[in-house]
Amino acid sequence: MVVKRNVSLKKYNTFGVDTFTDNFVELSDVNQFTQLFSILAGGKGPILVLGGGSNILFTHNRIRGYVVKNNLRGISVIKESDDYVLVKAMAGEDWSDFVYYCVSNNWGGIENLTMIPGNVGTSPMQNIGAYGVELKDSFICLEAWEISTGKTHTFFYDDCAFGYRDSYFKQEGKGRFIIVSVTFKLTSKNHFINTSYGTVNEELTLKRISKVGISEVMDAINSIRLRKLPDPAKIGNAGSFFKNPVLKTEDYQILFKQWPELPVYPISVGIIKTAAGWLIERAGWKGFRDGDVGVHKNQALVIVNYGNATGAQLLALAKKIQDSVFQKFGILLEPEVNLI
């Protein structure tokens, strides 16, 4: 294992922000954990574990301490029955590639999560979700290496404290672990086809698909996302910058009187979710651009770097959007992107 000094992280984050780190280590084999523990022992500064770099915004010019790039790879079947399969994926596997691999093997449950950027290891941290499905719906357990002790722990569903785009690893466990692998329970037949989001049904109708399976759902969502979201390889972005706000029903009813077209997605009794992108667009930010920072023309939820924007400039725009939406609707948007 080689420790590289003064490394640019520009190619390691989808925003394309040119931040440098004092020390950079790539982890590609579980056998390297012993060596990594020796390197990090003695408190040699902060540790940042980097997965796909797709849900992160570097707000400073330099990251002190160590950045550890998680490149652990491999997919294996732990158990298989007539109805389901337990699939274990190493943390460094690309998430979209993993979804495609599962669907191509007729394993259902995560097809709605197609084209979410990032790696498998970051998926439970964020409890990623899209089009009516969340990661926790298929989650069984994960293995995580504790940085301070060098020991590996197994976390089951109840240990992870999953919430809306939240988990134990974004709260009490933040910065304490490197996720090694994640195990999922997926259907092998009798798949539950989730087309609860209207746009998915509209896309299937547009494609004139009468018999809908998990492959058709994945393809439909791929098409939707390709139209709505910019390619990070062409325009720097981290996907949805803000979480969709969760409101009490009584608060929503007050807003509804003034904004009857406000989108609503019931979550549970007395709790609803509305669309952050709708709020941002109505506040006048969709398509905004100032130099190299802006808001995407097709999706107001996506803040973009058109070239050489700094993290500080992108964060400043995000704060302006927050202030604007709060003034107009009384809702404080919460970042989904991790601010470093």
C-alpha atoms as a PDB file:
ATOM      1  CA  MET A   1       0.000   0.000   0.000  1.00  0.00           C
ATOM      2  CA  VAL A   2       1.444   3.321  -1.114  1.00  0.00           C
ATOM      3  CA  VAL A   3       0.744   6.651   0.573  1.00  0.00           C
ATOM      4  CA  LYS A   4       0.701   9.410  -2.051  1.00  0.00           C
ATOM      5  CA  ARG A   5       1.307  13.013  -1.007  1.00  0.00           C
ATOM      6  CA  ASN A   6      -0.394  16.223  -2.126  1.00  0.00           C
ATOM      7  CA  VAL A   7      -2.908  14.548  -4.455  1.00  0.00           C
ATOM      8  CA  SER A   8      -5.604  16.406  -6.398  1.00  0.00           C
ATOM      9  CA  LEU A   9      -9.097  15.002  -5.776  1.00  0.00           C
ATOM     10  CA  LYS A  10     -10.633  16.576  -8.877  1.00  0.00           C
ATOM     11  CA  LYS A  11     -11.115  13.264 -10.692  1.00  0.00           C
ATOM     12  CA  TYR A  12     -12.399  11.603  -7.514  1.00  0.00           C
ATOM     13  CA  ASN A  13     -15.506  13.784  -7.058  1.00  0.00           C
ATOM     14  CA  THR A  14     -18.331  14.194  -9.550  1.00  0.00           C
ATOM     15  CA  PHE A  15     -18.556  17.943  -8.915  1.00  0.00           C
ATOM     16  CA  GLY A  16     -15.051  18.173 -10.413  1.00  0.00           C
ATOM     17  CA  VAL A  17     -13.835  20.458  -7.622  1.00  0.00           C
ATOM     18  CA  ASP A  18     -10.043  20.697  -7.574  1.00  0.00           C
ATOM     19  CA  THR A  19      -9.258  20.070  -3.911  1.00  0.00           C
ATOM     20  CA  PHE A  20      -5.963  18.618  -2.671  1.00  0.00           C
ATOM     21  CA  THR A  21      -5.308  16.162   0.142  1.00  0.00           C
ATOM     22  CA  ASP A  22      -2.164  15.806   2.249  1.00  0.00           C
ATOM     23  CA  ASN A  23      -2.165  12.008   2.010  1.00  0.00           C
ATOM     24  CA  PHE A  24      -3.989   9.637  -0.332  1.00  0.00           C
ATOM     25  CA  VAL A  25      -4.344   5.850   0.005  1.00  0.00           C
ATOM     26  CA  GLU A  26      -6.191   3.404  -2.257  1.00  0.00           C
ATOM     27  CA  LEU A  27      -7.722   0.339  -0.602  1.00  0.00           C
ATOM     28  CA  SER A  28      -8.212  -2.548  -3.038  1.00  0.00           C
ATOM     29  CA  ASP A  29      -7.886  -5.684  -0.883  1.00  0.00           C
ATOM     30  CA  VAL A  30      -9.220  -6.576   2.580  1.00  0.00           C
ATOM     31  CA  ASN A  31      -5.757  -7.877   3.429  1.00  0.00           C
ATOM     32  CA  GLN A  32      -4.557  -4.264   3.301  1.00  0.00           C
ATOM     33  CA  PHE A  33      -6.541  -3.340   6.419  1.00  0.00           C
ATOM     34  CA  THR A  34      -3.701  -4.445   8.685  1.00  0.00           C
ATOM     35  CA  GLN A  35      -1.276  -2.168   6.871  1.00  0.00           C
ATOM     36  CA  LEU A  36      -3.832   0.630   6.797  1.00  0.00           C
ATOM     37  CA  PHE A  37      -4.291   0.361  10.557  1.00  0.00           C
ATOM     38  CA  SER A  38      -0.526   0.718  11.012  1.00  0.00           C
ATOM     39  CA  ILE A  39      -0.505   3.808   8.795  1.00  0.00           C
ATOM     40  CA  LEU A  40      -3.412   5.458  10.589  1.00  0.00           C
ATOM     41  CA  ALA A  41      -2.423   4.436  14.139  1.00  0.00           C
ATOM     42  CA  GLY A  42      -1.300   7.190  16.426  1.00  0.00           C
ATOM     43  CA  GLY A  43      -3.873   9.733  15.334  1.00  0.00           C
ATOM     44  CA  LYS A  44      -2.104  11.122  12.281  1.00  0.00           C
ATOM     45  CA  GLY A  45      -4.887  13.498  11.431  1.00  0.00           C
ATOM     46  CA  PRO A  46      -8.499  13.308  10.195  1.00  0.00           C
ATOM     47  CA  ILE A  47      -9.617  10.424   8.003  1.00  0.00           C
ATOM     48  CA  LEU A  48     -11.945  10.819   5.028  1.00  0.00           C
ATOM     49  CA  VAL A  49     -13.182   7.661   3.335  1.00  0.00           C
ATOM     50  CA  LEU A  50     -14.014   8.282  -0.314  1.00  0.00           C
ATOM     51  CA  GLY A  51     -16.284   6.024  -2.345  1.00  0.00           C
ATOM     52  CA  GLY A  52     -17.519   7.115  -5.752  1.00  0.00           C
ATOM     53  CA  GLY A  53     -17.282  10.797  -4.826  1.00  0.00           C
ATOM     54  CA  SER A  54     -20.805  11.327  -6.137  1.00  0.00           C
ATOM     55  CA  ASN A  55     -22.521  12.706  -3.055  1.00  0.00           C
ATOM     56  CA  ILE A  56     -19.870  15.036  -1.728  1.00  0.00           C
ATOM     57  CA  LEU A  57     -18.878  18.674  -2.016  1.00  0.00           C
ATOM     58  CA  PHE A  58     -15.374  19.731  -1.012  1.00  0.00           C
ATOM     59  CA  THR A  59     -15.773  23.233   0.391  1.00  0.00           C
ATOM     60  CA  HIS A  60     -12.090  23.836   1.196  1.00  0.00           C
ATOM     61  CA  ASN A  61      -8.977  23.924  -0.957  1.00  0.00           C
ATOM     62  CA  ARG A  62      -7.219  21.206   1.050  1.00  0.00           C
ATOM     63  CA  ILE A  63      -8.252  18.084   2.973  1.00  0.00           C
ATOM     64  CA  ARG A  64      -5.944  17.564   5.934  1.00  0.00           C
ATOM     65  CA  GLY A  65      -4.918  14.144   7.167  1.00  0.00           C
ATOM     66  CA  TYR A  66      -5.684  11.082   5.042  1.00  0.00           C
ATOM     67  CA  VAL A  67      -8.142  10.347   2.247  1.00  0.00           C
ATOM     68  CA  VAL A  68      -8.774   6.616   1.810  1.00  0.00           C
ATOM     69  CA  LYS A  69     -10.257   5.626  -1.579  1.00  0.00           C
ATOM     70  CA  ASN A  70     -12.380   2.478  -1.214  1.00  0.00           C
ATOM     71  CA  ASN A  71     -11.765   0.256  -4.262  1.00  0.00           C
ATOM     72  CA  LEU A  72     -12.828  -3.116  -2.787  1.00  0.00           C
ATOM     73  CA  ARG A  73     -14.430  -5.189  -5.574  1.00  0.00           C
ATOM     74  CA  GLY A  74     -16.370  -8.431  -5.934  1.00  0.00           C
ATOM     75  CA  ILE A  75     -19.953  -9.798  -6.065  1.00  0.00           C
ATOM     76  CA  SER A  76     -20.979 -13.181  -4.670  1.00  0.00           C
ATOM     77  CA  VAL A  77     -24.153 -15.170  -3.959  1.00  0.00           C
ATOM     78  CA  ILE A  78     -24.395 -16.078  -0.271  1.00  0.00           C
ATOM     79  CA  LYS A  79     -27.633 -18.055  -0.432  1.00  0.00           C
ATOM     80  CA  GLU A  80     -30.192 -18.858  -3.102  1.00  0.00           C
ATOM     81  CA  SER A  81     -33.674 -20.342  -2.910  1.00  0.00           C
ATOM     82  CA  ASP A  82     -36.650 -20.648  -5.237  1.00  0.00           C
ATOM     83  CA  ASP A  83     -37.955 -17.254  -4.100  1.00  0.00           C
ATOM     84  CA  TYR A  84     -34.985 -15.110  -3.198  1.00  0.00           C
ATOM     85  CA  VAL A  85     -31.220 -14.669  -3.342  1.00  0.00           C
ATOM     86  CA  LEU A  86     -28.781 -13.135  -0.876  1.00  0.00           C
ATOM     87  CA  VAL A  87     -26.158 -11.166  -2.798  1.00  0.00           C
ATOM     88  CA  LYS A  88     -23.015  -9.727  -1.228  1.00  0.00           C
ATOM     89  CA  ALA A  89     -21.273  -6.858  -3.004  1.00  0.00           C
ATOM     90  CA  MET A  90     -17.974  -5.318  -1.980  1.00  0.00           C
ATOM     91  CA  ALA A  91     -18.073  -1.633  -1.158  1.00  0.00           C
ATOM     92  CA  GLY A  92     -16.031  -0.416  -4.126  1.00  0.00           C
ATOM     93  CA  GLU A  93     -18.411  -1.851  -6.733  1.00  0.00           C
ATOM     94  CA  ASP A  94     -20.077   0.805  -8.875  1.00  0.00           C
ATOM     95  CA  TRP A  95     -23.717   1.032  -7.793  1.00  0.00           C
ATOM     96  CA  SER A  96     -25.245   1.354 -11.264  1.00  0.00           C
ATOM     97  CA  ASP A  97     -23.182  -1.571 -12.532  1.00  0.00           C
ATOM     98  CA  PHE A  98     -24.363  -3.623  -9.551  1.00  0.00           C
ATOM     99  CA  VAL A  99     -28.025  -2.834 -10.297  1.00  0.00           C
ATOM    100  CA  TYR A 100     -27.548  -3.853 -13.924  1.00  0.00           C
ATOM    101  CA  TYR A 101     -25.784  -7.070 -12.844  1.00  0.00           C
ATOM    102  CA  CYS A 102     -28.679  -7.994 -10.556  1.00  0.00           C
ATOM    103  CA  VAL A 103     -31.388  -7.250 -13.118  1.00  0.00           C
ATOM    104  CA  SER A 104     -29.506  -9.196 -15.796  1.00  0.00           C
ATOM    105  CA  ASN A 105     -29.582 -12.174 -13.409  1.00  0.00           C
ATOM    106  CA  ASN A 106     -33.339 -11.667 -12.838  1.00  0.00           C
ATOM    107  CA  TRP A 107     -32.856 -10.559  -9.230  1.00  0.00           C
ATOM    108  CA  GLY A 108     -35.420  -7.950  -8.281  1.00  0.00           C
ATOM    109  CA  GLY A 109     -35.729  -5.242  -5.651  1.00  0.00           C
ATOM    110  CA  ILE A 110     -33.258  -2.513  -6.592  1.00  0.00           C
ATOM    111  CA  GLU A 111     -34.151  -1.876 -10.251  1.00  0.00           C
ATOM    112  CA  ASN A 112     -35.801   1.451  -9.329  1.00  0.00           C
ATOM    113  CA  LEU A 113     -32.444   2.605  -7.945  1.00  0.00           C
ATOM    114  CA  THR A 114     -30.736   2.418 -11.320  1.00  0.00           C
ATOM    115  CA  MET A 115     -28.321   5.161 -12.396  1.00  0.00           C
ATOM    116  CA  ILE A 116     -27.838   6.555  -8.899  1.00  0.00           C
ATOM    117  CA  PRO A 117     -24.170   7.558  -8.950  1.00  0.00           C
ATOM    118  CA  GLY A 118     -21.759   6.231  -6.359  1.00  0.00           C
ATOM    119  CA  ASN A 119     -20.488   2.943  -5.001  1.00  0.00           C
ATOM    120  CA  VAL A 120     -22.159   0.102  -3.117  1.00  0.00           C
ATOM    121  CA  GLY A 121     -20.417   1.101   0.118  1.00  0.00           C
ATOM    122  CA  THR A 122     -21.954   4.550   0.201  1.00  0.00           C
ATOM    123  CA  SER A 123     -25.495   3.325  -0.562  1.00  0.00           C
ATOM    124  CA  PRO A 124     -26.464   2.371   3.029  1.00  0.00           C
ATOM    125  CA  MET A 125     -24.811   5.460   4.478  1.00  0.00           C
ATOM    126  CA  GLN A 126     -27.210   7.625   2.499  1.00  0.00           C
ATOM    127  CA  ASN A 127     -30.050   5.091   2.411  1.00  0.00           C
ATOM    128  CA  ILE A 128     -30.320   5.955  -1.258  1.00  0.00           C
ATOM    129  CA  GLY A 129     -33.787   6.062  -2.748  1.00  0.00           C
ATOM    130  CA  ALA A 130     -35.639   6.844  -5.961  1.00  0.00           C
ATOM    131  CA  TYR A 131     -39.015   6.252  -7.620  1.00  0.00           C
ATOM    132  CA  GLY A 132     -40.708   4.762  -4.566  1.00  0.00           C
ATOM    133  CA  VAL A 133     -37.875   2.478  -3.417  1.00  0.00           C
ATOM    134  CA  GLU A 134     -35.161   2.867  -0.770  1.00  0.00           C
ATOM    135  CA  LEU A 135     -32.041   0.806  -0.189  1.00  0.00           C
ATOM    136  CA  LYS A 136     -33.300  -0.301   3.235  1.00  0.00           C
ATOM    137  CA  ASP A 137     -36.111  -2.230   1.510  1.00  0.00           C
ATOM    138  CA  SER A 138     -33.609  -4.867   0.296  1.00  0.00           C
ATOM    139  CA  PHE A 139     -30.892  -4.492   2.924  1.00  0.00           C
ATOM    140  CA  ILE A 140     -29.805  -7.442   5.071  1.00  0.00           C
ATOM    141  CA  CYS A 141     -26.476  -6.438   6.630  1.00  0.00           C
ATOM    142  CA  LEU A 142     -23.112  -4.823   6.046  1.00  0.00           C
ATOM    143  CA  GLU A 143     -19.558  -5.360   7.211  1.00  0.00           C
ATOM    144  CA  ALA A 144     -17.606  -2.329   8.379  1.00  0.00           C
ATOM    145  CA  TRP A 145     -14.016  -1.895   9.544  1.00  0.00           C
ATOM    146  CA  GLU A 146     -13.608   0.312  12.612  1.00  0.00           C
ATOM    147  CA  ILE A 147     -10.798   2.798  12.039  1.00  0.00           C
ATOM    148  CA  SER A 148      -9.846   3.273  15.710  1.00  0.00           C
ATOM    149  CA  THR A 149      -9.611  -0.437  16.619  1.00  0.00           C
ATOM    150  CA  GLY A 150      -8.912  -2.212  13.333  1.00  0.00           C
ATOM    151  CA  LYS A 151     -11.801  -4.620  13.990  1.00  0.00           C
ATOM    152  CA  THR A 152     -14.533  -5.617  11.544  1.00  0.00           C
ATOM    153  CA  HIS A 153     -18.167  -5.455  12.692  1.00  0.00           C
ATOM    154  CA  THR A 154     -21.430  -6.697  11.185  1.00  0.00           C
ATOM    155  CA  PHE A 155     -24.355  -4.255  11.158  1.00  0.00           C
ATOM    156  CA  PHE A 156     -27.871  -5.587  10.628  1.00  0.00           C
ATOM    157  CA  TYR A 157     -30.961  -3.589   9.669  1.00  0.00           C
ATOM    158  CA  ASP A 158     -31.833  -2.390  13.169  1.00  0.00           C
ATOM    159  CA  ASP A 159     -28.226  -1.352  13.819  1.00  0.00           C
ATOM    160  CA  CYS A 160     -28.206   1.054  10.894  1.00  0.00           C
ATOM    161  CA  ALA A 161     -30.976   3.448  12.048  1.00  0.00           C
ATOM    162  CA  PHE A 162     -32.149   4.057   8.504  1.00  0.00           C
ATOM    163  CA  GLY A 163     -34.099   7.243   7.863  1.00  0.00           C
ATOM    164  CA  TYR A 164     -34.898   9.421   4.898  1.00  0.00           C
ATOM    165  CA  ARG A 165     -31.481   9.772   3.187  1.00  0.00           C
ATOM    166  CA  ASP A 166     -29.989   9.040   6.584  1.00  0.00           C
ATOM    167  CA  SER A 167     -28.419   6.277   8.654  1.00  0.00           C
ATOM    168  CA  TYR A 168     -26.240   5.579  11.678  1.00  0.00           C
ATOM    169  CA  PHE A 169     -23.210   6.123   9.445  1.00  0.00           C
ATOM    170  CA  LYS A 170     -24.196   9.758   8.816  1.00  0.00           C
ATOM    171  CA  GLN A 171     -24.866  10.354  12.511  1.00  0.00           C
ATOM    172  CA  GLU A 172     -23.183   8.627  15.479  1.00  0.00           C
ATOM    173  CA  GLY A 173     -21.067   6.407  13.246  1.00  0.00           C
ATOM    174  CA  LYS A 174     -19.878   9.173  10.939  1.00  0.00           C
ATOM    175  CA  GLY A 175     -16.157   8.970  10.220  1.00  0.00           C
ATOM    176  CA  ARG A 176     -15.665   5.899  12.407  1.00  0.00           C
ATOM    177  CA  PHE A 177     -15.893   3.089   9.857  1.00  0.00           C
ATOM    178  CA  ILE A 178     -14.909   1.953   6.390  1.00  0.00           C
ATOM    179  CA  ILE A 179     -17.722  -0.111   4.886  1.00  0.00           C
ATOM    180  CA  VAL A 180     -16.342  -3.357   3.476  1.00  0.00           C
ATOM    181  CA  SER A 181     -19.385  -5.044   1.918  1.00  0.00           C
ATOM    182  CA  VAL A 182     -23.184  -4.929   1.779  1.00  0.00           C
ATOM    183  CA  THR A 183     -25.561  -7.897   1.546  1.00  0.00           C
ATOM    184  CA  PHE A 184     -28.998  -7.629  -0.096  1.00  0.00           C
ATOM    185  CA  LYS A 185     -32.049  -9.881  -0.203  1.00  0.00           C
ATOM    186  CA  LEU A 186     -33.459  -9.818  -3.730  1.00  0.00           C
ATOM    187  CA  THR A 187     -36.358 -11.671  -5.315  1.00  0.00           C
ATOM    188  CA  SER A 188     -35.610 -14.433  -7.824  1.00  0.00           C
ATOM    189  CA  LYS A 189     -39.218 -14.778  -8.982  1.00  0.00           C
ATOM    190  CA  ASN A 190     -42.613 -13.209  -8.253  1.00  0.00           C
ATOM    191  CA  HIS A 191     -41.016  -9.770  -8.362  1.00  0.00           C
ATOM    192  CA  PHE A 192     -42.874  -6.806  -6.903  1.00  0.00           C
ATOM    193  CA  ILE A 193     -43.047  -4.278  -9.721  1.00  0.00           C
ATOM    194  CA  ASN A 194     -43.054  -0.776  -8.253  1.00  0.00           C
ATOM    195  CA  THR A 195     -44.345   1.839 -10.687  1.00  0.00           C
ATOM    196  CA  SER A 196     -45.932   4.018  -8.005  1.00  0.00           C
ATOM    197  CA  TYR A 197     -44.329   7.159  -9.417  1.00  0.00           C
ATOM    198  CA  GLY A 198     -46.466   8.483 -12.249  1.00  0.00           C
ATOM    199  CA  THR A 199     -43.511   9.352 -14.443  1.00  0.00           C
ATOM    200  CA  VAL A 200     -42.499   5.676 -14.568  1.00  0.00           C
ATOM    201  CA  ASN A 201     -45.942   4.629 -15.811  1.00  0.00           C
ATOM    202  CA  GLU A 202     -45.890   7.460 -18.334  1.00  0.00           C
ATOM    203  CA  GLU A 203     -42.531   6.272 -19.659  1.00  0.00           C
ATOM    204  CA  LEU A 204     -43.735   2.669 -19.941  1.00  0.00           C
ATOM    205  CA  THR A 205     -46.818   3.850 -21.814  1.00  0.00           C
ATOM    206  CA  LEU A 206     -44.647   5.969 -24.108  1.00  0.00           C
ATOM    207  CA  LYS A 207     -42.531   2.910 -24.891  1.00  0.00           C
ATOM    208  CA  ARG A 208     -45.744   0.910 -25.485  1.00  0.00           C
ATOM    209  CA  ILE A 209     -44.710  -1.790 -23.042  1.00  0.00           C
ATOM    210  CA  SER A 210     -47.615  -3.986 -21.994  1.00  0.00           C
ATOM    211  CA  LYS A 211     -45.784  -6.679 -20.008  1.00  0.00           C
ATOM    212  CA  VAL A 212     -43.690  -4.984 -17.352  1.00  0.00           C
ATOM    213  CA  GLY A 213     -40.865  -6.756 -15.531  1.00  0.00           C
ATOM    214  CA  ILE A 214     -37.875  -5.542 -13.550  1.00  0.00           C
ATOM    215  CA  SER A 215     -35.828  -5.029 -16.717  1.00  0.00           C
ATOM    216  CA  GLU A 216     -38.512  -2.815 -18.252  1.00  0.00           C
ATOM    217  CA  VAL A 217     -38.740  -0.752 -15.054  1.00  0.00           C
ATOM    218  CA  MET A 218     -34.971  -0.269 -15.001  1.00  0.00           C
ATOM    219  CA  ASP A 219     -34.901   0.756 -18.671  1.00  0.00           C
ATOM    220  CA  ALA A 220     -37.772   3.206 -18.195  1.00  0.00           C
ATOM    221  CA  ILE A 221     -36.086   4.878 -15.226  1.00  0.00           C
ATOM    222  CA  ASN A 222     -32.791   4.995 -17.114  1.00  0.00           C
ATOM    223  CA  SER A 223     -34.537   6.921 -19.887  1.00  0.00           C
ATOM    224  CA  ILE A 224     -36.142   9.342 -17.436  1.00  0.00           C
ATOM    225  CA  ARG A 225     -32.892  10.038 -15.636  1.00  0.00           C
ATOM    226  CA  LEU A 226     -30.945  10.524 -18.865  1.00  0.00           C
ATOM    227  CA  ARG A 227     -33.418  13.221 -19.924  1.00  0.00           C
ATOM    228  CA  LYS A 228     -33.579  14.994 -16.580  1.00  0.00           C
ATOM    229  CA  LEU A 229     -30.096  14.779 -15.114  1.00  0.00           C
ATOM    230  CA  PRO A 230     -26.745  15.990 -16.466  1.00  0.00           C
ATOM    231  CA  ASP A 231     -23.875  13.562 -17.011  1.00  0.00           C
ATOM    232  CA  PRO A 232     -21.161  14.328 -14.385  1.00  0.00           C
ATOM    233  CA  ALA A 233     -18.536  13.468 -17.014  1.00  0.00           C
ATOM    234  CA  LYS A 234     -19.750  16.487 -19.007  1.00  0.00           C
ATOM    235  CA  ILE A 235     -21.079  18.871 -16.334  1.00  0.00           C
ATOM    236  CA  GLY A 236     -19.897  18.606 -12.749  1.00  0.00           C
ATOM    237  CA  ASN A 237     -22.721  17.753 -10.332  1.00  0.00           C
ATOM    238  CA  ALA A 238     -23.697  15.463  -7.473  1.00  0.00           C
ATOM    239  CA  GLY A 239     -27.256  14.710  -8.529  1.00  0.00           C
ATOM    240  CA  SER A 240     -29.920  15.972  -6.146  1.00  0.00           C
ATOM    241  CA  PHE A 241     -28.288  18.588  -3.940  1.00  0.00           C
ATOM    242  CA  PHE A 242     -31.159  18.896  -1.454  1.00  0.00           C
ATOM    243  CA  LYS A 243     -33.439  16.399   0.259  1.00  0.00           C
ATOM    244  CA  ASN A 244     -37.136  16.490  -0.511  1.00  0.00           C
ATOM    245  CA  PRO A 245     -38.724  18.177   2.537  1.00  0.00           C
ATOM    246  CA  VAL A 246     -40.786  16.074   4.935  1.00  0.00           C
ATOM    247  CA  LEU A 247     -43.705  17.966   6.472  1.00  0.00           C
ATOM    248  CA  LYS A 248     -46.480  17.407   8.959  1.00  0.00           C
ATOM    249  CA  THR A 249     -49.863  17.230   7.282  1.00  0.00           C
ATOM    250  CA  GLU A 250     -51.095  20.368   9.045  1.00  0.00           C
ATOM    251  CA  ASP A 251     -48.085  22.356   7.780  1.00  0.00           C
ATOM    252  CA  TYR A 252     -48.686  21.082   4.271  1.00  0.00           C
ATOM    253  CA  GLN A 253     -52.358  22.089   4.457  1.00  0.00           C
ATOM    254  CA  ILE A 254     -51.352  25.660   5.288  1.00  0.00           C
ATOM    255  CA  LEU A 255     -49.031  25.751   2.259  1.00  0.00           C
ATOM    256  CA  PHE A 256     -51.667  24.095   0.076  1.00  0.00           C
ATOM    257  CA  LYS A 257     -54.047  27.017   0.573  1.00  0.00           C
ATOM    258  CA  GLN A 258     -51.550  29.309  -1.178  1.00  0.00           C
ATOM    259  CA  TRP A 259     -49.914  26.736  -3.442  1.00  0.00           C
ATOM    260  CA  PRO A 260     -52.582  24.146  -4.416  1.00  0.00           C
ATOM    261  CA  GLU A 261     -50.284  22.692  -7.097  1.00  0.00           C
ATOM    262  CA  LEU A 262     -47.606  21.813  -4.493  1.00  0.00           C
ATOM    263  CA  PRO A 263     -46.664  18.119  -5.049  1.00  0.00           C
ATOM    264  CA  VAL A 264     -47.455  15.734  -2.220  1.00  0.00           C
ATOM    265  CA  TYR A 265     -46.261  12.185  -1.514  1.00  0.00           C
ATOM    266  CA  PRO A 266     -47.761  10.589   1.637  1.00  0.00           C
ATOM    267  CA  ILE A 267     -45.180   8.778   3.774  1.00  0.00           C
ATOM    268  CA  SER A 268     -47.142   7.777   6.878  1.00  0.00           C
ATOM    269  CA  VAL A 269     -50.066   8.967   8.949  1.00  0.00           C
ATOM    270  CA  GLY A 270     -49.697  12.712   9.421  1.00  0.00           C
ATOM    271  CA  ILE A 271     -46.435  12.920   7.430  1.00  0.00           C
ATOM    272  CA  ILE A 272     -45.990  13.878   3.783  1.00  0.00           C
ATOM    273  CA  LYS A 273     -43.086  14.588   1.456  1.00  0.00           C
ATOM    274  CA  THR A 274     -42.985  17.344  -1.121  1.00  0.00           C
ATOM    275  CA  ALA A 275     -40.623  18.078  -4.011  1.00  0.00           C
ATOM    276  CA  ALA A 276     -37.574  20.251  -3.354  1.00  0.00           C
ATOM    277  CA  GLY A 277     -37.082  20.691  -7.096  1.00  0.00           C
ATOM    278  CA  TRP A 278     -40.580  22.161  -7.427  1.00  0.00           C
ATOM    279  CA  LEU A 279     -39.903  24.643  -4.613  1.00  0.00           C
ATOM    280  CA  ILE A 280     -36.553  25.692  -6.123  1.00  0.00           C
ATOM    281  CA  GLU A 281     -38.065  26.103  -9.581  1.00  0.00           C
ATOM    282  CA  ARG A 282     -40.938  28.240  -8.242  1.00  0.00           C
ATOM    283  CA  ALA A 283     -38.377  30.366  -6.413  1.00  0.00           C
ATOM    284  CA  GLY A 284     -36.883  31.191  -9.805  1.00  0.00           C
ATOM    285  CA  TRP A 285     -33.619  29.234  -9.749  1.00  0.00           C
ATOM    286  CA  LYS A 286     -34.093  26.675 -12.529  1.00  0.00           C
ATOM    287  CA  GLY A 287     -31.550  27.348 -15.289  1.00  0.00           C
ATOM    288  CA  PHE A 288     -29.732  30.027 -13.259  1.00  0.00           C
ATOM    289  CA  ARG A 289     -26.057  30.553 -14.046  1.00  0.00           C
ATOM    290  CA  ASP A 290     -23.399  32.847 -12.656  1.00  0.00           C
ATOM    291  CA  GLY A 291     -19.984  32.162 -14.146  1.00  0.00           C
ATOM    292  CA  ASP A 292     -19.146  28.510 -13.542  1.00  0.00           C
ATOM    293  CA  VAL A 293     -21.864  27.831 -10.959  1.00  0.00           C
ATOM    294  CA  GLY A 294     -25.504  27.256 -11.758  1.00  0.00           C
ATOM    295  CA  VAL A 295     -28.717  25.259 -11.501  1.00  0.00           C
ATOM    296  CA  HIS A 296     -29.439  22.730 -14.227  1.00  0.00           C
ATOM    297  CA  LYS A 297     -31.901  23.786 -16.906  1.00  0.00           C
ATOM    298  CA  ASN A 298     -33.855  20.501 -16.776  1.00  0.00           C
ATOM    299  CA  GLN A 299     -33.814  19.764 -13.044  1.00  0.00           C
ATOM    300  CA  ALA A 300     -33.829  22.524 -10.430  1.00  0.00           C
ATOM    301  CA  LEU A 301     -32.664  20.102  -7.756  1.00  0.00           C
ATOM    302  CA  VAL A 302     -29.231  19.810  -9.381  1.00  0.00           C
ATOM    303  CA  ILE A 303     -26.518  22.404  -8.720  1.00  0.00           C
ATOM    304  CA  VAL A 304     -23.810  22.262 -11.386  1.00  0.00           C
ATOM    305  CA  ASN A 305     -20.181  23.188 -11.932  1.00  0.00           C
ATOM    306  CA  TYR A 306     -19.785  24.376 -15.518  1.00  0.00           C
ATOM    307  CA  GLY A 307     -15.998  24.324 -15.361  1.00  0.00           C
ATOM    308  CA  ASN A 308     -13.714  25.587 -12.653  1.00  0.00           C
ATOM    309  CA  ALA A 309     -16.042  26.518  -9.795  1.00  0.00           C
ATOM    310  CA  THR A 310     -14.699  26.111  -6.281  1.00  0.00           C
ATOM    311  CA  GLY A 311     -16.528  24.256  -3.561  1.00  0.00           C
ATOM    312  CA  ALA A 312     -16.980  27.514  -1.695  1.00  0.00           C
ATOM    313  CA  GLN A 313     -18.718  29.066  -4.730  1.00  0.00           C
ATOM    314  CA  LEU A 314     -21.057  26.096  -5.124  1.00  0.00           C
ATOM    315  CA  LEU A 315     -21.865  26.174  -1.415  1.00  0.00           C
ATOM    316  CA  ALA A 316     -22.583  29.905  -1.592  1.00  0.00           C
ATOM    317  CA  LEU A 317     -25.128  29.282  -4.362  1.00  0.00           C
ATOM    318  CA  ALA A 318     -26.729  26.483  -2.320  1.00  0.00           C
ATOM    319  CA  LYS A 319     -27.145  28.852   0.643  1.00  0.00           C
ATOM    320  CA  LYS A 320     -28.747  31.491  -1.583  1.00  0.00           C
ATOM    321  CA  ILE A 321     -31.228  28.889  -2.807  1.00  0.00           C
ATOM    322  CA  GLN A 322     -31.978  27.827   0.766  1.00  0.00           C
ATOM    323  CA  ASP A 323     -32.627  31.435   1.811  1.00  0.00           C
ATOM    324  CA  SER A 324     -34.814  32.090  -1.217  1.00  0.00           C
ATOM    325  CA  VAL A 325     -36.987  28.994  -0.718  1.00  0.00           C
ATOM    326  CA  PHE A 326     -37.337  29.709   2.994  1.00  0.00           C
ATOM    327  CA  GLN A 327     -38.456  33.267   2.354  1.00  0.00           C
ATOM    328  CA  LYS A 328     -41.032  32.133  -0.223  1.00  0.00           C
ATOM    329  CA  PHE A 329     -42.377  28.960   1.381  1.00  0.00           C
ATOM    330  CA  GLY A 330     -41.117  28.883   4.974  1.00  0.00           C
ATOM    331  CA  ILE A 331     -39.321  25.588   4.286  1.00  0.00           C
ATOM    332  CA  LEU A 332     -35.615  25.214   5.041  1.00  0.00           C
ATOM    333  CA  LEU A 333     -34.076  22.832   2.523  1.00  0.00           C
ATOM    334  CA  GLU A 334     -31.569  20.355   3.925  1.00  0.00           C
ATOM    335  CA  PRO A 335     -28.559  19.337   1.811  1.00  0.00           C
ATOM    336  CA  GLU A 336     -28.478  15.725   0.666  1.00  0.00           C
ATOM    337  CA  VAL A 337     -24.870  16.190  -0.435  1.00  0.00           C
ATOM    338  CA  ASN A 338     -22.204  15.722   2.245  1.00  0.00           C
ATOM    339  CA  LEU A 339     -20.345  18.987   2.840  1.00  0.00           C
ATOM    340  CA  ILE A 340     -16.644  18.480   3.587  1.00  0.00           C
END
